[in-house]
Structure formats: C-alpha cells, structure tokens
C-alpha cells in the first residue's frame, strides 16, 4: 500500500476545510435548535429573551403544539401540500425524463435548435404579470392546476437529465432495439433505471421547492382558501400572529394570548419536520445524481 506523505500545505488546507465545515454546520444547526427549544420553552421567558435559545427556558411547555394541532387550517394545509408535492413530482418527473431523452437523441435533427430556445427562457422570461395574465386567461385561477402547470418543467432539470442520458452507452439502446423495444420501452425500462440517481435528485429538488412554495398560492388562489398549501397557513400565522387561532384555543390553554410567539416557532417546526424526515432516505442519491448530471463523459 502506497503511503502518501502529507505536506505542510496539505495539512493547513485540511485544517481550513475542517474549520470551515464546522462553521457551516453551526450556521445551519443553531437556527434549528433556536426555533425548536423556543417552541417548548416557557412563553413568558421567551418573550423576555433577546438572544439565541440553545436550551429550554424554564419549564418545558407543549402548549403551542396543542394550539397548532387543534387548528383545522394546519391539517387542510398538510393535505393540500401533500397533494401538490405528489402531483408536481409526477408531472415534472415525466416531462423532464421525456424532454431529456428527446434532447439527448442524436438522430433528432432539431434538438440543438429547440434546446437553444429552452435555454433562452432561463435568461429571459415574460415576468410575473404576463404569467398571471396567462393563468387567468386559461381560467385556472382558484384551481389546483394554477399551482401545478406554470412550474411543471424546469429547463435546468432537463439539461441535467439530458447530460446524464448522454453518458449512457448507445450500445444499450441498440441492443434493446434489436430485441424489438420501442421508444417508451427504451426510455422507461432501459434509460431511466440507469439515471435513477439523477432522477432522484430532480424529484428531491421538486418536492422541496413545492413543499416550501407559497407565493404562487398568494397569486393564483385569491378567493379559495380551501386550496391553500401548508406554507400559506404558516404565513398567515406568522404575519397575523394567529389571533383567530388563539381565540379558538382559549379552552385548551389558559392565557392563550401569551403563546403567540411560541405558536410562530412551533408552526415552523411542524412545517419543517416532514421534509427533514424524508431527506435522509434520498441523500445517498444526491451527490451521485448531481455529479452524473453535471459532468459530460
């Protein structure tokens, strides 16, 4: 086994990298700890505190979560968001795979021209107002489609998928066609399984983006609050201090008005935990998928 002697420069570089990564971990973890510990602390002490909370202040209290979990809007938001995430992942996944497959085929004569038009939209687009006018003219306001169709496909994801597919040897497709496989068989049974890491990353980006989305609902659901995603209910809680929620929670907790601040922290925890629980299961595909889709072999 060959032993590589570390130089002074390499040791300094490794030390700098270690310190930098520790610094990044602190930046990412401290806000999460602050929000969590504040959500279960004594509400009176939280209101008096002006610094970062890294441990529960006073007696541990779950009053904020009682108020949140008894608020019907939270469950409606969860239901709608789960629907939006699943539907968007299905639509985006199919469109991205099909577009990436077509754009990667050398026998497709106009692939470079179409790809140039698609890439142009990454630099220039109509903007928010023209997009709103298109959605309104298609009579999609206050419908589920308004939150699914406008962002159904990302050119960036198509480029990643196309690059990943181009790295697959052509001999695999030729062998499948000799056995009588058609376009859809080659696409979904030969190409897609070999690009599952890249596909998983695209689905992860799509799911996280849709889970955190709220601005589209603010624009395209002006009257129908029953279709609001979870983040819109979170926004209402954070902006309005959830006065109606507190009034409805009067029987649950004494001095419910005192829990307004804790409800804000608790709402962030409730809306963040599900996506944090899903991420570890797709993390193994993340680095592999990004590298395969970004480096052309």
C-alpha atoms as a PDB file:
ATOM      1  CA  UNK A   1       0.000   0.000   0.000  1.00  0.00           C
ATOM      2  CA  UNK A   2       1.416   3.347  -1.025  1.00  0.00           C
ATOM      3  CA  UNK A   3       1.749   5.884   1.774  1.00  0.00           C
ATOM      4  CA  UNK A   4       1.214   9.497   0.769  1.00  0.00           C
ATOM      5  CA  UNK A   5       3.248  11.929   2.799  1.00  0.00           C
ATOM      6  CA  UNK A   6       1.264  14.965   3.833  1.00  0.00           C
ATOM      7  CA  UNK A   7       2.959  18.290   3.287  1.00  0.00           C
ATOM      8  CA  UNK A   8       2.579  21.348   5.486  1.00  0.00           C
ATOM      9  CA  UNK A   9       0.416  22.972   2.834  1.00  0.00           C
ATOM     10  CA  UNK A  10      -1.960  19.989   2.648  1.00  0.00           C
ATOM     11  CA  UNK A  11      -2.311  19.894   6.430  1.00  0.00           C
ATOM     12  CA  UNK A  12      -3.114  23.601   6.558  1.00  0.00           C
ATOM     13  CA  UNK A  13      -5.627  23.111   3.745  1.00  0.00           C
ATOM     14  CA  UNK A  14      -7.314  20.188   5.567  1.00  0.00           C
ATOM     15  CA  UNK A  15      -7.414  22.196   8.794  1.00  0.00           C
ATOM     16  CA  UNK A  16      -9.005  25.140   6.991  1.00  0.00           C
ATOM     17  CA  UNK A  17     -11.580  22.849   5.367  1.00  0.00           C
ATOM     18  CA  UNK A  18     -12.427  21.264   8.722  1.00  0.00           C
ATOM     19  CA  UNK A  19     -12.876  24.616  10.436  1.00  0.00           C
ATOM     20  CA  UNK A  20     -14.921  25.941   7.547  1.00  0.00           C
ATOM     21  CA  UNK A  21     -17.247  22.916   7.553  1.00  0.00           C
ATOM     22  CA  UNK A  22     -17.675  23.175  11.331  1.00  0.00           C
ATOM     23  CA  UNK A  23     -18.576  26.828  10.873  1.00  0.00           C
ATOM     24  CA  UNK A  24     -21.151  25.915   8.216  1.00  0.00           C
ATOM     25  CA  UNK A  25     -22.622  23.227  10.490  1.00  0.00           C
ATOM     26  CA  UNK A  26     -23.024  25.765  13.281  1.00  0.00           C
ATOM     27  CA  UNK A  27     -24.711  28.233  10.918  1.00  0.00           C
ATOM     28  CA  UNK A  28     -27.192  25.567   9.788  1.00  0.00           C
ATOM     29  CA  UNK A  29     -27.866  23.853  13.121  1.00  0.00           C
ATOM     30  CA  UNK A  30     -28.097  26.817  15.524  1.00  0.00           C
ATOM     31  CA  UNK A  31     -31.236  28.375  13.926  1.00  0.00           C
ATOM     32  CA  UNK A  32     -32.965  24.980  14.005  1.00  0.00           C
ATOM     33  CA  UNK A  33     -32.104  24.486  17.671  1.00  0.00           C
ATOM     34  CA  UNK A  34     -33.193  28.023  18.486  1.00  0.00           C
ATOM     35  CA  UNK A  35     -36.617  27.532  16.899  1.00  0.00           C
ATOM     36  CA  UNK A  36     -37.155  24.101  18.466  1.00  0.00           C
ATOM     37  CA  UNK A  37     -36.124  24.987  22.011  1.00  0.00           C
ATOM     38  CA  UNK A  38     -38.051  28.258  21.872  1.00  0.00           C
ATOM     39  CA  UNK A  39     -41.204  26.383  20.824  1.00  0.00           C
ATOM     40  CA  UNK A  40     -41.196  24.275  24.007  1.00  0.00           C
ATOM     41  CA  UNK A  41     -39.942  26.911  26.461  1.00  0.00           C
ATOM     42  CA  UNK A  42     -41.873  28.967  28.964  1.00  0.00           C
ATOM     43  CA  UNK A  43     -43.687  31.643  26.885  1.00  0.00           C
ATOM     44  CA  UNK A  44     -43.058  34.433  29.395  1.00  0.00           C
ATOM     45  CA  UNK A  45     -39.311  33.773  29.384  1.00  0.00           C
ATOM     46  CA  UNK A  46     -39.205  33.543  25.588  1.00  0.00           C
ATOM     47  CA  UNK A  47     -40.788  36.984  25.271  1.00  0.00           C
ATOM     48  CA  UNK A  48     -38.187  38.428  27.618  1.00  0.00           C
ATOM     49  CA  UNK A  49     -35.284  36.703  25.865  1.00  0.00           C
ATOM     50  CA  UNK A  50     -33.459  38.601  23.110  1.00  0.00           C
ATOM     51  CA  UNK A  51     -30.653  36.159  22.281  1.00  0.00           C
ATOM     52  CA  UNK A  52     -30.261  32.730  20.759  1.00  0.00           C
ATOM     53  CA  UNK A  53     -32.025  29.980  22.695  1.00  0.00           C
ATOM     54  CA  UNK A  54     -29.981  26.772  22.842  1.00  0.00           C
ATOM     55  CA  UNK A  55     -31.853  25.089  25.698  1.00  0.00           C
ATOM     56  CA  UNK A  56     -35.420  25.193  27.044  1.00  0.00           C
ATOM     57  CA  UNK A  57     -36.143  28.278  29.087  1.00  0.00           C
ATOM     58  CA  UNK A  58     -37.993  27.442  32.300  1.00  0.00           C
ATOM     59  CA  UNK A  59     -40.428  24.559  32.411  1.00  0.00           C
ATOM     60  CA  UNK A  60     -40.931  22.628  29.176  1.00  0.00           C
ATOM     61  CA  UNK A  61     -44.287  23.535  27.638  1.00  0.00           C
ATOM     62  CA  UNK A  62     -46.173  21.876  24.782  1.00  0.00           C
ATOM     63  CA  UNK A  63     -48.960  24.453  24.806  1.00  0.00           C
ATOM     64  CA  UNK A  64     -48.006  25.895  21.434  1.00  0.00           C
ATOM     65  CA  UNK A  65     -48.258  22.496  19.774  1.00  0.00           C
ATOM     66  CA  UNK A  66     -51.669  21.894  21.337  1.00  0.00           C
ATOM     67  CA  UNK A  67     -52.887  25.112  19.754  1.00  0.00           C
ATOM     68  CA  UNK A  68     -51.309  24.308  16.373  1.00  0.00           C
ATOM     69  CA  UNK A  69     -52.539  20.717  16.154  1.00  0.00           C
ATOM     70  CA  UNK A  70     -56.090  21.791  17.049  1.00  0.00           C
ATOM     71  CA  UNK A  71     -56.101  24.399  14.279  1.00  0.00           C
ATOM     72  CA  UNK A  72     -58.042  22.940  11.332  1.00  0.00           C
ATOM     73  CA  UNK A  73     -56.136  25.036   8.815  1.00  0.00           C
ATOM     74  CA  UNK A  74     -52.931  23.131   9.561  1.00  0.00           C
ATOM     75  CA  UNK A  75     -54.425  19.796   8.550  1.00  0.00           C
ATOM     76  CA  UNK A  76     -56.047  21.306   5.466  1.00  0.00           C
ATOM     77  CA  UNK A  77     -52.685  22.775   4.515  1.00  0.00           C
ATOM     78  CA  UNK A  78     -50.937  19.442   5.060  1.00  0.00           C
ATOM     79  CA  UNK A  79     -53.459  17.640   2.878  1.00  0.00           C
ATOM     80  CA  UNK A  80     -53.191  20.200   0.077  1.00  0.00           C
ATOM     81  CA  UNK A  81     -49.393  20.364   0.238  1.00  0.00           C
ATOM     82  CA  UNK A  82     -49.051  16.581   0.079  1.00  0.00           C
ATOM     83  CA  UNK A  83     -51.281  16.586  -2.982  1.00  0.00           C
ATOM     84  CA  UNK A  84     -49.280  19.383  -4.624  1.00  0.00           C
ATOM     85  CA  UNK A  85     -45.952  17.690  -3.884  1.00  0.00           C
ATOM     86  CA  UNK A  86     -47.008  14.279  -5.210  1.00  0.00           C
ATOM     87  CA  UNK A  87     -48.764  15.695  -8.275  1.00  0.00           C
ATOM     88  CA  UNK A  88     -45.900  18.077  -9.089  1.00  0.00           C
ATOM     89  CA  UNK A  89     -43.302  15.313  -8.740  1.00  0.00           C
ATOM     90  CA  UNK A  90     -45.284  13.068 -11.099  1.00  0.00           C
ATOM     91  CA  UNK A  91     -45.838  15.779 -13.703  1.00  0.00           C
ATOM     92  CA  UNK A  92     -42.322  17.193 -13.507  1.00  0.00           C
ATOM     93  CA  UNK A  93     -40.722  13.745 -13.421  1.00  0.00           C
ATOM     94  CA  UNK A  94     -42.476  12.529 -16.575  1.00  0.00           C
ATOM     95  CA  UNK A  95     -41.941  15.751 -18.527  1.00  0.00           C
ATOM     96  CA  UNK A  96     -38.277  16.002 -17.516  1.00  0.00           C
ATOM     97  CA  UNK A  97     -37.486  12.411 -18.474  1.00  0.00           C
ATOM     98  CA  UNK A  98     -39.264  12.693 -21.819  1.00  0.00           C
ATOM     99  CA  UNK A  99     -37.687  16.061 -22.667  1.00  0.00           C
ATOM    100  CA  UNK A 100     -34.220  14.955 -21.542  1.00  0.00           C
ATOM    101  CA  UNK A 101     -34.491  11.746 -23.574  1.00  0.00           C
ATOM    102  CA  UNK A 102     -35.603  13.546 -26.727  1.00  0.00           C
ATOM    103  CA  UNK A 103     -32.951  16.257 -26.413  1.00  0.00           C
ATOM    104  CA  UNK A 104     -30.232  13.621 -25.975  1.00  0.00           C
ATOM    105  CA  UNK A 105     -31.037  11.680 -29.165  1.00  0.00           C
ATOM    106  CA  UNK A 106     -28.504  12.430 -31.905  1.00  0.00           C
ATOM    107  CA  UNK A 107     -30.955  11.326 -34.576  1.00  0.00           C
ATOM    108  CA  UNK A 108     -33.361  14.117 -33.584  1.00  0.00           C
ATOM    109  CA  UNK A 109     -32.487  16.764 -36.174  1.00  0.00           C
ATOM    110  CA  UNK A 110     -33.736  19.886 -34.403  1.00  0.00           C
ATOM    111  CA  UNK A 111     -32.592  19.094 -30.881  1.00  0.00           C
ATOM    112  CA  UNK A 112     -29.954  21.846 -30.783  1.00  0.00           C
ATOM    113  CA  UNK A 113     -32.384  24.495 -32.020  1.00  0.00           C
ATOM    114  CA  UNK A 114     -35.080  23.519 -29.538  1.00  0.00           C
ATOM    115  CA  UNK A 115     -32.518  23.307 -26.741  1.00  0.00           C
ATOM    116  CA  UNK A 116     -31.348  26.825 -27.576  1.00  0.00           C
ATOM    117  CA  UNK A 117     -34.926  28.129 -27.295  1.00  0.00           C
ATOM    118  CA  UNK A 118     -35.351  26.332 -23.986  1.00  0.00           C
ATOM    119  CA  UNK A 119     -32.078  27.704 -22.628  1.00  0.00           C
ATOM    120  CA  UNK A 120     -33.147  31.210 -23.711  1.00  0.00           C
ATOM    121  CA  UNK A 121     -36.037  31.039 -21.227  1.00  0.00           C
ATOM    122  CA  UNK A 122     -33.519  30.605 -18.401  1.00  0.00           C
ATOM    123  CA  UNK A 123     -32.180  34.098 -19.137  1.00  0.00           C
ATOM    124  CA  UNK A 124     -35.336  35.914 -20.218  1.00  0.00           C
ATOM    125  CA  UNK A 125     -38.991  35.318 -19.371  1.00  0.00           C
ATOM    126  CA  UNK A 126     -42.246  37.196 -19.523  1.00  0.00           C
ATOM    127  CA  UNK A 127     -42.308  38.044 -15.818  1.00  0.00           C
ATOM    128  CA  UNK A 128     -44.876  37.767 -13.076  1.00  0.00           C
ATOM    129  CA  UNK A 129     -47.655  39.919 -14.555  1.00  0.00           C
ATOM    130  CA  UNK A 130     -47.727  38.278 -18.037  1.00  0.00           C
ATOM    131  CA  UNK A 131     -47.641  34.865 -16.362  1.00  0.00           C
ATOM    132  CA  UNK A 132     -50.578  35.840 -14.161  1.00  0.00           C
ATOM    133  CA  UNK A 133     -52.487  37.057 -17.236  1.00  0.00           C
ATOM    134  CA  UNK A 134     -51.869  33.734 -18.997  1.00  0.00           C
ATOM    135  CA  UNK A 135     -53.069  31.757 -15.980  1.00  0.00           C
ATOM    136  CA  UNK A 136     -56.156  33.967 -15.721  1.00  0.00           C
ATOM    137  CA  UNK A 137     -56.929  33.700 -19.451  1.00  0.00           C
ATOM    138  CA  UNK A 138     -56.759  29.911 -19.182  1.00  0.00           C
ATOM    139  CA  UNK A 139     -59.327  30.122 -16.333  1.00  0.00           C
ATOM    140  CA  UNK A 140     -57.016  28.385 -13.893  1.00  0.00           C
ATOM    141  CA  UNK A 141     -57.359  30.889 -11.048  1.00  0.00           C
ATOM    142  CA  UNK A 142     -58.568  29.286  -7.811  1.00  0.00           C
ATOM    143  CA  UNK A 143     -57.876  25.794  -9.191  1.00  0.00           C
ATOM    144  CA  UNK A 144     -55.267  23.189  -8.355  1.00  0.00           C
ATOM    145  CA  UNK A 145     -53.852  23.454 -11.882  1.00  0.00           C
ATOM    146  CA  UNK A 146     -52.709  27.020 -11.235  1.00  0.00           C
ATOM    147  CA  UNK A 147     -50.115  25.689  -8.787  1.00  0.00           C
ATOM    148  CA  UNK A 148     -49.058  22.728 -10.934  1.00  0.00           C
ATOM    149  CA  UNK A 149     -48.940  23.751 -14.603  1.00  0.00           C
ATOM    150  CA  UNK A 150     -46.913  27.035 -14.651  1.00  0.00           C
ATOM    151  CA  UNK A 151     -43.923  25.392 -12.982  1.00  0.00           C
ATOM    152  CA  UNK A 152     -44.390  21.924 -14.429  1.00  0.00           C
ATOM    153  CA  UNK A 153     -40.974  21.718 -16.102  1.00  0.00           C
ATOM    154  CA  UNK A 154     -37.596  23.299 -15.387  1.00  0.00           C
ATOM    155  CA  UNK A 155     -35.082  23.773 -18.187  1.00  0.00           C
ATOM    156  CA  UNK A 156     -32.286  23.355 -15.670  1.00  0.00           C
ATOM    157  CA  UNK A 157     -33.609  19.890 -14.757  1.00  0.00           C
ATOM    158  CA  UNK A 158     -33.952  18.984 -18.430  1.00  0.00           C
ATOM    159  CA  UNK A 159     -30.306  19.900 -19.043  1.00  0.00           C
ATOM    160  CA  UNK A 160     -29.203  17.749 -16.095  1.00  0.00           C
ATOM    161  CA  UNK A 161     -31.286  14.804 -17.284  1.00  0.00           C
ATOM    162  CA  UNK A 162     -30.131  15.185 -20.881  1.00  0.00           C
ATOM    163  CA  UNK A 163     -26.471  15.213 -19.824  1.00  0.00           C
ATOM    164  CA  UNK A 164     -26.975  12.125 -17.662  1.00  0.00           C
ATOM    165  CA  UNK A 165     -28.660  10.236 -20.519  1.00  0.00           C
ATOM    166  CA  UNK A 166     -25.900  11.210 -22.938  1.00  0.00           C
ATOM    167  CA  UNK A 167     -23.426   9.433 -20.668  1.00  0.00           C
ATOM    168  CA  UNK A 168     -25.176   6.075 -21.245  1.00  0.00           C
ATOM    169  CA  UNK A 169     -23.549   3.964 -23.988  1.00  0.00           C
ATOM    170  CA  UNK A 170     -25.521   3.830 -27.232  1.00  0.00           C
ATOM    171  CA  UNK A 171     -24.914   0.070 -27.403  1.00  0.00           C
ATOM    172  CA  UNK A 172     -27.525  -0.498 -24.685  1.00  0.00           C
ATOM    173  CA  UNK A 173     -30.222   1.176 -26.750  1.00  0.00           C
ATOM    174  CA  UNK A 174     -29.107  -0.646 -29.905  1.00  0.00           C
ATOM    175  CA  UNK A 175     -29.313  -3.997 -28.109  1.00  0.00           C
ATOM    176  CA  UNK A 176     -32.801  -3.209 -26.822  1.00  0.00           C
ATOM    177  CA  UNK A 177     -33.990  -2.205 -30.286  1.00  0.00           C
ATOM    178  CA  UNK A 178     -32.639  -5.429 -31.755  1.00  0.00           C
ATOM    179  CA  UNK A 179     -34.925  -7.225 -29.296  1.00  0.00           C
ATOM    180  CA  UNK A 180     -37.898  -5.201 -30.541  1.00  0.00           C
ATOM    181  CA  UNK A 181     -38.070  -2.491 -27.865  1.00  0.00           C
ATOM    182  CA  UNK A 182     -39.881   0.738 -28.765  1.00  0.00           C
ATOM    183  CA  UNK A 183     -39.192   4.316 -27.716  1.00  0.00           C
ATOM    184  CA  UNK A 184     -41.145   4.164 -24.465  1.00  0.00           C
ATOM    185  CA  UNK A 185     -39.603   0.817 -23.522  1.00  0.00           C
ATOM    186  CA  UNK A 186     -36.107   2.161 -24.093  1.00  0.00           C
ATOM    187  CA  UNK A 187     -36.893   5.377 -22.275  1.00  0.00           C
ATOM    188  CA  UNK A 188     -38.543   3.994 -19.132  1.00  0.00           C
ATOM    189  CA  UNK A 189     -37.063   0.484 -18.844  1.00  0.00           C
ATOM    190  CA  UNK A 190     -33.508   0.986 -20.129  1.00  0.00           C
ATOM    191  CA  UNK A 191     -32.555   4.665 -19.774  1.00  0.00           C
ATOM    192  CA  UNK A 192     -34.478   5.725 -16.646  1.00  0.00           C
ATOM    193  CA  UNK A 193     -33.201   2.925 -14.331  1.00  0.00           C
ATOM    194  CA  UNK A 194     -29.630   3.863 -15.254  1.00  0.00           C
ATOM    195  CA  UNK A 195     -30.342   7.520 -14.416  1.00  0.00           C
ATOM    196  CA  UNK A 196     -32.195   6.868 -11.175  1.00  0.00           C
ATOM    197  CA  UNK A 197     -29.671   8.868  -9.125  1.00  0.00           C
ATOM    198  CA  UNK A 198     -30.118  11.955 -11.285  1.00  0.00           C
ATOM    199  CA  UNK A 199     -33.880  11.419 -11.389  1.00  0.00           C
ATOM    200  CA  UNK A 200     -33.986  11.151  -7.578  1.00  0.00           C
ATOM    201  CA  UNK A 201     -32.155  14.466  -7.234  1.00  0.00           C
ATOM    202  CA  UNK A 202     -34.599  16.175  -9.604  1.00  0.00           C
ATOM    203  CA  UNK A 203     -37.546  14.781  -7.651  1.00  0.00           C
ATOM    204  CA  UNK A 204     -35.913  15.942  -4.415  1.00  0.00           C
ATOM    205  CA  UNK A 205     -35.466  19.482  -5.751  1.00  0.00           C
ATOM    206  CA  UNK A 206     -39.049  19.491  -6.987  1.00  0.00           C
ATOM    207  CA  UNK A 207     -40.507  18.145  -3.723  1.00  0.00           C
ATOM    208  CA  UNK A 208     -38.600  20.583  -1.505  1.00  0.00           C
ATOM    209  CA  UNK A 209     -39.436  23.515  -3.762  1.00  0.00           C
ATOM    210  CA  UNK A 210     -43.135  22.664  -3.839  1.00  0.00           C
ATOM    211  CA  UNK A 211     -43.245  21.979  -0.087  1.00  0.00           C
ATOM    212  CA  UNK A 212     -41.875  25.464   0.639  1.00  0.00           C
ATOM    213  CA  UNK A 213     -43.850  27.274  -2.072  1.00  0.00           C
ATOM    214  CA  UNK A 214     -46.416  29.864  -1.036  1.00  0.00           C
ATOM    215  CA  UNK A 215     -46.131  32.824  -3.420  1.00  0.00           C
ATOM    216  CA  UNK A 216     -47.912  31.050  -6.297  1.00  0.00           C
ATOM    217  CA  UNK A 217     -50.842  30.349  -3.978  1.00  0.00           C
ATOM    218  CA  UNK A 218     -50.908  34.010  -2.979  1.00  0.00           C
ATOM    219  CA  UNK A 219     -51.169  34.989  -6.659  1.00  0.00           C
ATOM    220  CA  UNK A 220     -53.367  32.296  -8.142  1.00  0.00           C
ATOM    221  CA  UNK A 221     -55.713  31.460  -5.243  1.00  0.00           C
ATOM    222  CA  UNK A 222     -57.135  34.893  -4.396  1.00  0.00           C
ATOM    223  CA  UNK A 223     -60.533  33.655  -3.199  1.00  0.00           C
ATOM    224  CA  UNK A 224     -60.397  29.914  -2.493  1.00  0.00           C
ATOM    225  CA  UNK A 225     -58.524  29.416   0.783  1.00  0.00           C
ATOM    226  CA  UNK A 226     -59.576  25.777   0.928  1.00  0.00           C
ATOM    227  CA  UNK A 227     -56.831  25.045  -1.637  1.00  0.00           C
ATOM    228  CA  UNK A 228     -54.098  26.865   0.302  1.00  0.00           C
ATOM    229  CA  UNK A 229     -50.883  24.865   0.812  1.00  0.00           C
ATOM    230  CA  UNK A 230     -49.372  24.478   4.261  1.00  0.00           C
ATOM    231  CA  UNK A 231     -46.931  27.356   3.827  1.00  0.00           C
ATOM    232  CA  UNK A 232     -49.762  29.815   3.201  1.00  0.00           C
ATOM    233  CA  UNK A 233     -51.300  28.888   6.547  1.00  0.00           C
ATOM    234  CA  UNK A 234     -47.847  29.262   8.087  1.00  0.00           C
ATOM    235  CA  UNK A 235     -47.592  32.700   6.530  1.00  0.00           C
ATOM    236  CA  UNK A 236     -50.935  33.737   7.975  1.00  0.00           C
ATOM    237  CA  UNK A 237     -49.856  32.540  11.412  1.00  0.00           C
ATOM    238  CA  UNK A 238     -46.538  34.388  11.257  1.00  0.00           C
ATOM    239  CA  UNK A 239     -47.961  37.592   9.790  1.00  0.00           C
ATOM    240  CA  UNK A 240     -51.228  37.910  11.684  1.00  0.00           C
ATOM    241  CA  UNK A 241     -49.969  36.400  14.968  1.00  0.00           C
ATOM    242  CA  UNK A 242     -52.852  33.881  14.629  1.00  0.00           C
ATOM    243  CA  UNK A 243     -55.461  35.901  16.520  1.00  0.00           C
ATOM    244  CA  UNK A 244     -58.313  33.669  15.396  1.00  0.00           C
ATOM    245  CA  UNK A 245     -56.321  30.593  16.326  1.00  0.00           C
ATOM    246  CA  UNK A 246     -55.704  31.951  19.808  1.00  0.00           C
ATOM    247  CA  UNK A 247     -59.368  32.801  20.306  1.00  0.00           C
ATOM    248  CA  UNK A 248     -60.347  29.268  19.316  1.00  0.00           C
ATOM    249  CA  UNK A 249     -57.685  27.825  21.632  1.00  0.00           C
ATOM    250  CA  UNK A 250     -58.963  29.593  24.741  1.00  0.00           C
ATOM    251  CA  UNK A 251     -60.385  26.370  26.152  1.00  0.00           C
ATOM    252  CA  UNK A 252     -57.172  24.446  25.551  1.00  0.00           C
ATOM    253  CA  UNK A 253     -54.660  26.650  27.318  1.00  0.00           C
ATOM    254  CA  UNK A 254     -55.051  29.341  29.888  1.00  0.00           C
ATOM    255  CA  UNK A 255     -53.711  32.727  28.765  1.00  0.00           C
ATOM    256  CA  UNK A 256     -53.538  31.549  25.147  1.00  0.00           C
ATOM    257  CA  UNK A 257     -52.542  35.047  24.017  1.00  0.00           C
ATOM    258  CA  UNK A 258     -49.243  34.512  25.811  1.00  0.00           C
ATOM    259  CA  UNK A 259     -48.435  31.675  23.409  1.00  0.00           C
ATOM    260  CA  UNK A 260     -48.450  33.757  20.238  1.00  0.00           C
ATOM    261  CA  UNK A 261     -44.666  33.792  19.941  1.00  0.00           C
ATOM    262  CA  UNK A 262     -44.384  30.090  20.726  1.00  0.00           C
ATOM    263  CA  UNK A 263     -47.026  29.290  18.106  1.00  0.00           C
ATOM    264  CA  UNK A 264     -44.870  31.000  15.483  1.00  0.00           C
ATOM    265  CA  UNK A 265     -41.876  28.882  16.427  1.00  0.00           C
ATOM    266  CA  UNK A 266     -43.975  25.733  16.690  1.00  0.00           C
ATOM    267  CA  UNK A 267     -45.513  26.331  13.257  1.00  0.00           C
ATOM    268  CA  UNK A 268     -42.050  26.436  11.716  1.00  0.00           C
ATOM    269  CA  UNK A 269     -41.188  23.118  13.379  1.00  0.00           C
ATOM    270  CA  UNK A 270     -44.449  21.473  12.300  1.00  0.00           C
ATOM    271  CA  UNK A 271     -43.981  22.541   8.680  1.00  0.00           C
ATOM    272  CA  UNK A 272     -40.282  21.593   8.531  1.00  0.00           C
ATOM    273  CA  UNK A 273     -40.123  18.206  10.253  1.00  0.00           C
ATOM    274  CA  UNK A 274     -41.754  16.122   7.441  1.00  0.00           C
ATOM    275  CA  UNK A 275     -39.317  17.261   4.759  1.00  0.00           C
ATOM    276  CA  UNK A 276     -36.380  16.753   7.143  1.00  0.00           C
ATOM    277  CA  UNK A 277     -37.541  13.185   7.764  1.00  0.00           C
ATOM    278  CA  UNK A 278     -37.701  12.396   4.043  1.00  0.00           C
ATOM    279  CA  UNK A 279     -34.321  13.867   3.116  1.00  0.00           C
ATOM    280  CA  UNK A 280     -32.093  11.149   4.705  1.00  0.00           C
ATOM    281  CA  UNK A 281     -33.713   8.472   2.521  1.00  0.00           C
ATOM    282  CA  UNK A 282     -32.725  10.234  -0.723  1.00  0.00           C
ATOM    283  CA  UNK A 283     -29.451  11.728   0.478  1.00  0.00           C
ATOM    284  CA  UNK A 284     -27.421   8.812  -0.927  1.00  0.00           C
ATOM    285  CA  UNK A 285     -28.567   9.747  -4.440  1.00  0.00           C
ATOM    286  CA  UNK A 286     -27.834  13.435  -4.043  1.00  0.00           C
ATOM    287  CA  UNK A 287     -24.084  13.708  -4.692  1.00  0.00           C
ATOM    288  CA  UNK A 288     -24.081  10.909  -7.278  1.00  0.00           C
ATOM    289  CA  UNK A 289     -27.023  12.362  -9.175  1.00  0.00           C
ATOM    290  CA  UNK A 290     -25.661  15.887  -9.308  1.00  0.00           C
ATOM    291  CA  UNK A 291     -22.223  14.726 -10.477  1.00  0.00           C
ATOM    292  CA  UNK A 292     -23.606  12.393 -13.139  1.00  0.00           C
ATOM    293  CA  UNK A 293     -25.883  15.094 -14.482  1.00  0.00           C
ATOM    294  CA  UNK A 294     -23.315  17.875 -14.461  1.00  0.00           C
ATOM    295  CA  UNK A 295     -20.226  16.222 -15.945  1.00  0.00           C
ATOM    296  CA  UNK A 296     -20.361  15.027 -19.508  1.00  0.00           C
ATOM    297  CA  UNK A 297     -18.366  11.875 -20.016  1.00  0.00           C
END
